[in-house]
């Protein structure tokens, strides 16, 4: 497993992280590791958008959409 050092963290941030770790009954190291692993497991917005684009199968023209809206209005 790799080692990660964090420098120049503000005292306020460090204090808050220690408080949150204690609330979760974790050491600061375990709490920080959990946060980092969750962040790494969460896909980025760019990745999500790329997946959506890959899965998108509808190829619609504006005219087709407007025609369908008109057909729906005539049925009402």
PDB file of N, CA and C in Angstrom:
ATOM      1  N   UNK A   1       0.850  -1.178   0.000  1.00  0.00           N
ATOM      2  CA  UNK A   1       0.000   0.000   0.000  1.00  0.00           C
ATOM      3  C   UNK A   1       0.895   1.241   0.000  1.00  0.00           C
ATOM      4  N   UNK A   2       0.459   2.265  -0.698  1.00  0.00           N
ATOM      5  CA  UNK A   2       1.239   3.495  -0.822  1.00  0.00           C
ATOM      6  C   UNK A   2       1.061   4.392   0.395  1.00  0.00           C
ATOM      7  N   UNK A   3       2.001   5.297   0.551  1.00  0.00           N
ATOM      8  CA  UNK A   3       1.950   6.293   1.614  1.00  0.00           C
ATOM      9  C   UNK A   3       1.712   7.646   0.986  1.00  0.00           C
ATOM     10  N   UNK A   4       0.853   8.421   1.612  1.00  0.00           N
ATOM     11  CA  UNK A   4       0.519   9.756   1.119  1.00  0.00           C
ATOM     12  C   UNK A   4       0.726  10.745   2.252  1.00  0.00           C
ATOM     13  N   UNK A   5       1.481  11.778   1.979  1.00  0.00           N
ATOM     14  CA  UNK A   5       1.695  12.844   2.954  1.00  0.00           C
ATOM     15  C   UNK A   5       0.938  14.075   2.475  1.00  0.00           C
ATOM     16  N   UNK A   6       0.299  14.757   3.409  1.00  0.00           N
ATOM     17  CA  UNK A   6      -0.419  15.991   3.079  1.00  0.00           C
ATOM     18  C   UNK A   6       0.259  17.125   3.822  1.00  0.00           C
ATOM     19  N   UNK A   7       0.736  18.072   3.064  1.00  0.00           N
ATOM     20  CA  UNK A   7       1.416  19.222   3.663  1.00  0.00           C
ATOM     21  C   UNK A   7       0.536  20.451   3.547  1.00  0.00           C
ATOM     22  N   UNK A   8       0.805  21.407   4.408  1.00  0.00           N
ATOM     23  CA  UNK A   8       0.155  22.723   4.370  1.00  0.00           C
ATOM     24  C   UNK A   8      -1.354  22.650   4.550  1.00  0.00           C
ATOM     25  N   UNK A   9      -1.834  21.673   5.301  1.00  0.00           N
ATOM     26  CA  UNK A   9      -3.244  21.599   5.650  1.00  0.00           C
ATOM     27  C   UNK A   9      -3.495  22.586   6.783  1.00  0.00           C
ATOM     28  N   UNK A  10      -4.524  23.376   6.669  1.00  0.00           N
ATOM     29  CA  UNK A  10      -4.789  24.382   7.697  1.00  0.00           C
ATOM     30  C   UNK A  10      -5.135  23.703   9.021  1.00  0.00           C
ATOM     31  N   UNK A  11      -4.853  24.384  10.098  1.00  0.00           N
ATOM     32  CA  UNK A  11      -5.179  23.857  11.428  1.00  0.00           C
ATOM     33  C   UNK A  11      -6.684  23.645  11.570  1.00  0.00           C
ATOM     34  N   UNK A  12      -7.460  24.542  10.991  1.00  0.00           N
ATOM     35  CA  UNK A  12      -8.927  24.425  11.058  1.00  0.00           C
ATOM     36  C   UNK A  12      -9.390  23.139  10.376  1.00  0.00           C
ATOM     37  N   UNK A  13      -8.845  22.861   9.190  1.00  0.00           N
ATOM     38  CA  UNK A  13      -9.227  21.653   8.467  1.00  0.00           C
ATOM     39  C   UNK A  13      -8.795  20.407   9.230  1.00  0.00           C
ATOM     40  N   UNK A  14      -7.590  20.422   9.766  1.00  0.00           N
ATOM     41  CA  UNK A  14      -7.090  19.286  10.532  1.00  0.00           C
ATOM     42  C   UNK A  14      -7.951  19.033  11.769  1.00  0.00           C
ATOM     43  N   UNK A  15      -8.299  20.084  12.469  1.00  0.00           N
ATOM     44  CA  UNK A  15      -9.147  19.951  13.662  1.00  0.00           C
ATOM     45  C   UNK A  15     -10.498  19.358  13.285  1.00  0.00           C
ATOM     46  N   UNK A  16     -11.100  19.856  12.224  1.00  0.00           N
ATOM     47  CA  UNK A  16     -12.410  19.351  11.791  1.00  0.00           C
ATOM     48  C   UNK A  16     -12.327  17.881  11.390  1.00  0.00           C
ATOM     49  N   UNK A  17     -11.276  17.506  10.679  1.00  0.00           N
ATOM     50  CA  UNK A  17     -11.121  16.104  10.288  1.00  0.00           C
ATOM     51  C   UNK A  17     -10.943  15.204  11.511  1.00  0.00           C
ATOM     52  N   UNK A  18     -10.205  15.680  12.504  1.00  0.00           N
ATOM     53  CA  UNK A  18     -10.038  14.907  13.732  1.00  0.00           C
ATOM     54  C   UNK A  18     -11.371  14.725  14.452  1.00  0.00           C
ATOM     55  N   UNK A  19     -12.165  15.771  14.494  1.00  0.00           N
ATOM     56  CA  UNK A  19     -13.494  15.701  15.133  1.00  0.00           C
ATOM     57  C   UNK A  19     -14.373  14.697  14.399  1.00  0.00           C
ATOM     58  N   UNK A  20     -14.390  14.776  13.086  1.00  0.00           N
ATOM     59  CA  UNK A  20     -15.222  13.858  12.296  1.00  0.00           C
ATOM     60  C   UNK A  20     -14.745  12.417  12.434  1.00  0.00           C
ATOM     61  N   UNK A  21     -13.447  12.227  12.473  1.00  0.00           N
ATOM     62  CA  UNK A  21     -12.904  10.881  12.663  1.00  0.00           C
ATOM     63  C   UNK A  21     -13.345  10.327  14.018  1.00  0.00           C
ATOM     64  N   UNK A  22     -13.252  11.154  15.043  1.00  0.00           N
ATOM     65  CA  UNK A  22     -13.650  10.711  16.379  1.00  0.00           C
ATOM     66  C   UNK A  22     -15.133  10.364  16.425  1.00  0.00           C
ATOM     67  N   UNK A  23     -15.962  11.177  15.770  1.00  0.00           N
ATOM     68  CA  UNK A  23     -17.409  10.886  15.710  1.00  0.00           C
ATOM     69  C   UNK A  23     -17.684   9.542  15.057  1.00  0.00           C
ATOM     70  N   UNK A  24     -16.851   9.167  14.102  1.00  0.00           N
ATOM     71  CA  UNK A  24     -17.013   7.893  13.403  1.00  0.00           C
ATOM     72  C   UNK A  24     -16.229   6.762  14.066  1.00  0.00           C
ATOM     73  N   UNK A  25     -15.669   7.074  15.232  1.00  0.00           N
ATOM     74  CA  UNK A  25     -14.873   6.100  15.985  1.00  0.00           C
ATOM     75  C   UNK A  25     -13.754   5.526  15.121  1.00  0.00           C
ATOM     76  N   UNK A  26     -13.074   6.424  14.416  1.00  0.00           N
ATOM     77  CA  UNK A  26     -11.959   6.045  13.563  1.00  0.00           C
ATOM     78  C   UNK A  26     -10.755   6.911  13.913  1.00  0.00           C
ATOM     79  N   UNK A  27      -9.598   6.373  13.586  1.00  0.00           N
ATOM     80  CA  UNK A  27      -8.399   7.209  13.691  1.00  0.00           C
ATOM     81  C   UNK A  27      -8.449   8.208  12.537  1.00  0.00           C
ATOM     82  N   UNK A  28      -7.652   9.253  12.648  1.00  0.00           N
ATOM     83  CA  UNK A  28      -7.581  10.228  11.562  1.00  0.00           C
ATOM     84  C   UNK A  28      -7.107   9.544  10.283  1.00  0.00           C
ATOM     85  N   UNK A  29      -6.147   8.656  10.405  1.00  0.00           N
ATOM     86  CA  UNK A  29      -5.627   7.936   9.235  1.00  0.00           C
ATOM     87  C   UNK A  29      -6.725   7.100   8.566  1.00  0.00           C
ATOM     88  N   UNK A  30      -7.479   6.348   9.360  1.00  0.00           N
ATOM     89  CA  UNK A  30      -8.544   5.510   8.809  1.00  0.00           C
ATOM     90  C   UNK A  30      -9.635   6.370   8.170  1.00  0.00           C
ATOM     91  N   UNK A  31      -9.969   7.463   8.830  1.00  0.00           N
ATOM     92  CA  UNK A  31     -11.004   8.364   8.298  1.00  0.00           C
ATOM     93  C   UNK A  31     -10.559   8.973   6.973  1.00  0.00           C
ATOM     94  N   UNK A  32      -9.338   9.472   6.913  1.00  0.00           N
ATOM     95  CA  UNK A  32      -8.816  10.075   5.684  1.00  0.00           C
ATOM     96  C   UNK A  32      -8.732   9.026   4.569  1.00  0.00           C
ATOM     97  N   UNK A  33      -8.318   7.828   4.913  1.00  0.00           N
ATOM     98  CA  UNK A  33      -8.229   6.756   3.916  1.00  0.00           C
ATOM     99  C   UNK A  33      -9.615   6.451   3.344  1.00  0.00           C
ATOM    100  N   UNK A  34     -10.619   6.386   4.207  1.00  0.00           N
ATOM    101  CA  UNK A  34     -11.985   6.134   3.754  1.00  0.00           C
ATOM    102  C   UNK A  34     -12.462   7.234   2.811  1.00  0.00           C
ATOM    103  N   UNK A  35     -12.201   8.481   3.182  1.00  0.00           N
ATOM    104  CA  UNK A  35     -12.595   9.604   2.320  1.00  0.00           C
ATOM    105  C   UNK A  35     -11.922   9.531   0.956  1.00  0.00           C
ATOM    106  N   UNK A  36     -10.636   9.255   0.951  1.00  0.00           N
ATOM    107  CA  UNK A  36      -9.895   9.197  -0.307  1.00  0.00           C
ATOM    108  C   UNK A  36     -10.333   8.018  -1.170  1.00  0.00           C
ATOM    109  N   UNK A  37     -10.593   6.875  -0.546  1.00  0.00           N
ATOM    110  CA  UNK A  37     -11.054   5.721  -1.310  1.00  0.00           C
ATOM    111  C   UNK A  37     -12.438   5.958  -1.895  1.00  0.00           C
ATOM    112  N   UNK A  38     -13.321   6.615  -1.139  1.00  0.00           N
ATOM    113  CA  UNK A  38     -14.648   6.943  -1.664  1.00  0.00           C
ATOM    114  C   UNK A  38     -14.540   7.909  -2.837  1.00  0.00           C
ATOM    115  N   UNK A  39     -13.677   8.884  -2.708  1.00  0.00           N
ATOM    116  CA  UNK A  39     -13.480   9.855  -3.790  1.00  0.00           C
ATOM    117  C   UNK A  39     -12.938   9.170  -5.038  1.00  0.00           C
ATOM    118  N   UNK A  40     -11.992   8.275  -4.859  1.00  0.00           N
ATOM    119  CA  UNK A  40     -11.405   7.574  -6.002  1.00  0.00           C
ATOM    120  C   UNK A  40     -12.418   6.649  -6.672  1.00  0.00           C
ATOM    121  N   UNK A  41     -13.353   6.120  -5.897  1.00  0.00           N
ATOM    122  CA  UNK A  41     -14.361   5.209  -6.448  1.00  0.00           C
ATOM    123  C   UNK A  41     -15.518   5.936  -7.126  1.00  0.00           C
ATOM    124  N   UNK A  42     -15.634   7.223  -6.881  1.00  0.00           N
ATOM    125  CA  UNK A  42     -16.718   8.009  -7.480  1.00  0.00           C
ATOM    126  C   UNK A  42     -16.280   8.490  -8.853  1.00  0.00           C
ATOM    127  N   UNK A  43     -17.064   8.135  -9.888  1.00  0.00           N
ATOM    128  CA  UNK A  43     -16.654   8.569 -11.229  1.00  0.00           C
ATOM    129  C   UNK A  43     -16.730  10.088 -11.362  1.00  0.00           C
ATOM    130  N   UNK A  44     -15.831  10.627 -12.162  1.00  0.00           N
ATOM    131  CA  UNK A  44     -15.841  12.071 -12.413  1.00  0.00           C
ATOM    132  C   UNK A  44     -17.022  12.420 -13.307  1.00  0.00           C
ATOM    133  N   UNK A  45     -17.395  13.666 -13.310  1.00  0.00           N
ATOM    134  CA  UNK A  45     -18.480  14.127 -14.167  1.00  0.00           C
ATOM    135  C   UNK A  45     -18.160  13.826 -15.627  1.00  0.00           C
ATOM    136  N   UNK A  46     -16.912  14.008 -16.020  1.00  0.00           N
ATOM    137  CA  UNK A  46     -16.512  13.732 -17.398  1.00  0.00           C
ATOM    138  C   UNK A  46     -16.722  12.261 -17.742  1.00  0.00           C
ATOM    139  N   UNK A  47     -16.391  11.361 -16.811  1.00  0.00           N
ATOM    140  CA  UNK A  47     -16.588   9.931 -17.047  1.00  0.00           C
ATOM    141  C   UNK A  47     -18.069   9.586 -17.176  1.00  0.00           C
ATOM    142  N   UNK A  48     -18.891  10.166 -16.312  1.00  0.00           N
ATOM    143  CA  UNK A  48     -20.329   9.905 -16.365  1.00  0.00           C
ATOM    144  C   UNK A  48     -20.899  10.394 -17.689  1.00  0.00           C
ATOM    145  N   UNK A  49     -20.537  11.600 -18.094  1.00  0.00           N
ATOM    146  CA  UNK A  49     -21.035  12.139 -19.353  1.00  0.00           C
ATOM    147  C   UNK A  49     -20.572  11.304 -20.539  1.00  0.00           C
ATOM    148  N   UNK A  50     -19.353  10.808 -20.499  1.00  0.00           N
ATOM    149  CA  UNK A  50     -18.851   9.962 -21.585  1.00  0.00           C
ATOM    150  C   UNK A  50     -19.644   8.665 -21.661  1.00  0.00           C
ATOM    151  N   UNK A  51     -19.962   8.076 -20.512  1.00  0.00           N
ATOM    152  CA  UNK A  51     -20.767   6.848 -20.495  1.00  0.00           C
ATOM    153  C   UNK A  51     -22.169   7.095 -21.035  1.00  0.00           C
ATOM    154  N   UNK A  52     -22.757   8.209 -20.649  1.00  0.00           N
ATOM    155  CA  UNK A  52     -24.095   8.551 -21.146  1.00  0.00           C
ATOM    156  C   UNK A  52     -24.054   8.708 -22.661  1.00  0.00           C
ATOM    157  N   UNK A  53     -23.047   9.389 -23.141  1.00  0.00           N
ATOM    158  CA  UNK A  53     -22.901   9.592 -24.587  1.00  0.00           C
ATOM    159  C   UNK A  53     -22.746   8.261 -25.312  1.00  0.00           C
ATOM    160  N   UNK A  54     -21.980   7.336 -24.738  1.00  0.00           N
ATOM    161  CA  UNK A  54     -21.795   6.022 -25.355  1.00  0.00           C
ATOM    162  C   UNK A  54     -23.098   5.241 -25.413  1.00  0.00           C
ATOM    163  N   UNK A  55     -23.922   5.386 -24.394  1.00  0.00           N
ATOM    164  CA  UNK A  55     -25.166   4.607 -24.311  1.00  0.00           C
ATOM    165  C   UNK A  55     -26.327   5.258 -25.054  1.00  0.00           C
ATOM    166  N   UNK A  56     -26.211   6.522 -25.355  1.00  0.00           N
ATOM    167  CA  UNK A  56     -27.297   7.222 -26.043  1.00  0.00           C
ATOM    168  C   UNK A  56     -27.468   6.624 -27.433  1.00  0.00           C
ATOM    169  N   UNK A  57     -28.673   6.175 -27.716  1.00  0.00           N
ATOM    170  CA  UNK A  57     -28.926   5.541 -29.004  1.00  0.00           C
ATOM    171  C   UNK A  57     -29.876   6.341 -29.873  1.00  0.00           C
ATOM    172  N   UNK A  58     -30.607   7.242 -29.288  1.00  0.00           N
ATOM    173  CA  UNK A  58     -31.590   8.007 -30.054  1.00  0.00           C
ATOM    174  C   UNK A  58     -30.875   9.042 -30.915  1.00  0.00           C
ATOM    175  N   UNK A  59     -31.211   9.053 -32.166  1.00  0.00           N
ATOM    176  CA  UNK A  59     -30.685  10.043 -33.099  1.00  0.00           C
ATOM    177  C   UNK A  59     -31.883  10.774 -33.677  1.00  0.00           C
ATOM    178  N   UNK A  60     -32.233  11.867 -33.055  1.00  0.00           N
ATOM    179  CA  UNK A  60     -33.435  12.596 -33.432  1.00  0.00           C
ATOM    180  C   UNK A  60     -33.089  13.893 -34.125  1.00  0.00           C
ATOM    181  N   UNK A  61     -33.910  14.226 -35.067  1.00  0.00           N
ATOM    182  CA  UNK A  61     -33.832  15.518 -35.739  1.00  0.00           C
ATOM    183  C   UNK A  61     -34.855  16.433 -35.091  1.00  0.00           C
ATOM    184  N   UNK A  62     -34.608  17.707 -35.105  1.00  0.00           N
ATOM    185  CA  UNK A  62     -35.536  18.678 -34.506  1.00  0.00           C
ATOM    186  C   UNK A  62     -36.920  18.554 -35.124  1.00  0.00           C
ATOM    187  N   UNK A  63     -36.975  18.419 -36.428  1.00  0.00           N
ATOM    188  CA  UNK A  63     -38.269  18.292 -37.119  1.00  0.00           C
ATOM    189  C   UNK A  63     -39.047  17.082 -36.659  1.00  0.00           C
ATOM    190  N   UNK A  64     -38.360  15.952 -36.420  1.00  0.00           N
ATOM    191  CA  UNK A  64     -39.028  14.742 -35.935  1.00  0.00           C
ATOM    192  C   UNK A  64     -39.649  14.972 -34.564  1.00  0.00           C
ATOM    193  N   UNK A  65     -38.921  15.662 -33.709  1.00  0.00           N
ATOM    194  CA  UNK A  65     -39.423  15.948 -32.360  1.00  0.00           C
ATOM    195  C   UNK A  65     -40.642  16.854 -32.444  1.00  0.00           C
ATOM    196  N   UNK A  66     -40.575  17.890 -33.242  1.00  0.00           N
ATOM    197  CA  UNK A  66     -41.703  18.820 -33.381  1.00  0.00           C
ATOM    198  C   UNK A  66     -42.915  18.127 -33.986  1.00  0.00           C
ATOM    199  N   UNK A  67     -42.711  17.250 -34.960  1.00  0.00           N
ATOM    200  CA  UNK A  67     -43.829  16.491 -35.543  1.00  0.00           C
ATOM    201  C   UNK A  67     -44.496  15.616 -34.500  1.00  0.00           C
ATOM    202  N   UNK A  68     -43.691  14.980 -33.661  1.00  0.00           N
ATOM    203  CA  UNK A  68     -44.239  14.116 -32.615  1.00  0.00           C
ATOM    204  C   UNK A  68     -45.025  14.938 -31.592  1.00  0.00           C
ATOM    205  N   UNK A  69     -44.535  16.103 -31.253  1.00  0.00           N
ATOM    206  CA  UNK A  69     -45.278  16.992 -30.335  1.00  0.00           C
ATOM    207  C   UNK A  69     -46.618  17.367 -30.944  1.00  0.00           C
ATOM    208  N   UNK A  70     -46.629  17.719 -32.220  1.00  0.00           N
ATOM    209  CA  UNK A  70     -47.877  18.068 -32.902  1.00  0.00           C
ATOM    210  C   UNK A  70     -48.845  16.888 -32.903  1.00  0.00           C
ATOM    211  N   UNK A  71     -48.348  15.682 -33.173  1.00  0.00           N
ATOM    212  CA  UNK A  71     -49.218  14.500 -33.165  1.00  0.00           C
ATOM    213  C   UNK A  71     -49.825  14.307 -31.789  1.00  0.00           C
ATOM    214  N   UNK A  72     -49.038  14.496 -30.738  1.00  0.00           N
ATOM    215  CA  UNK A  72     -49.550  14.348 -29.378  1.00  0.00           C
ATOM    216  C   UNK A  72     -50.609  15.377 -29.058  1.00  0.00           C
ATOM    217  N   UNK A  73     -50.447  16.582 -29.530  1.00  0.00           N
ATOM    218  CA  UNK A  73     -51.435  17.633 -29.284  1.00  0.00           C
ATOM    219  C   UNK A  73     -52.742  17.335 -30.004  1.00  0.00           C
ATOM    220  N   UNK A  74     -52.667  16.772 -31.185  1.00  0.00           N
ATOM    221  CA  UNK A  74     -53.897  16.460 -31.946  1.00  0.00           C
ATOM    222  C   UNK A  74     -54.678  15.357 -31.288  1.00  0.00           C
ATOM    223  N   UNK A  75     -54.042  14.484 -30.549  1.00  0.00           N
ATOM    224  CA  UNK A  75     -54.735  13.366 -29.866  1.00  0.00           C
ATOM    225  C   UNK A  75     -55.534  13.844 -28.656  1.00  0.00           C
ATOM    226  N   UNK A  76     -55.169  14.975 -28.113  1.00  0.00           N
ATOM    227  CA  UNK A  76     -55.812  15.448 -26.867  1.00  0.00           C
ATOM    228  C   UNK A  76     -57.192  15.952 -27.100  1.00  0.00           C
TER     229      UNK A  76
END
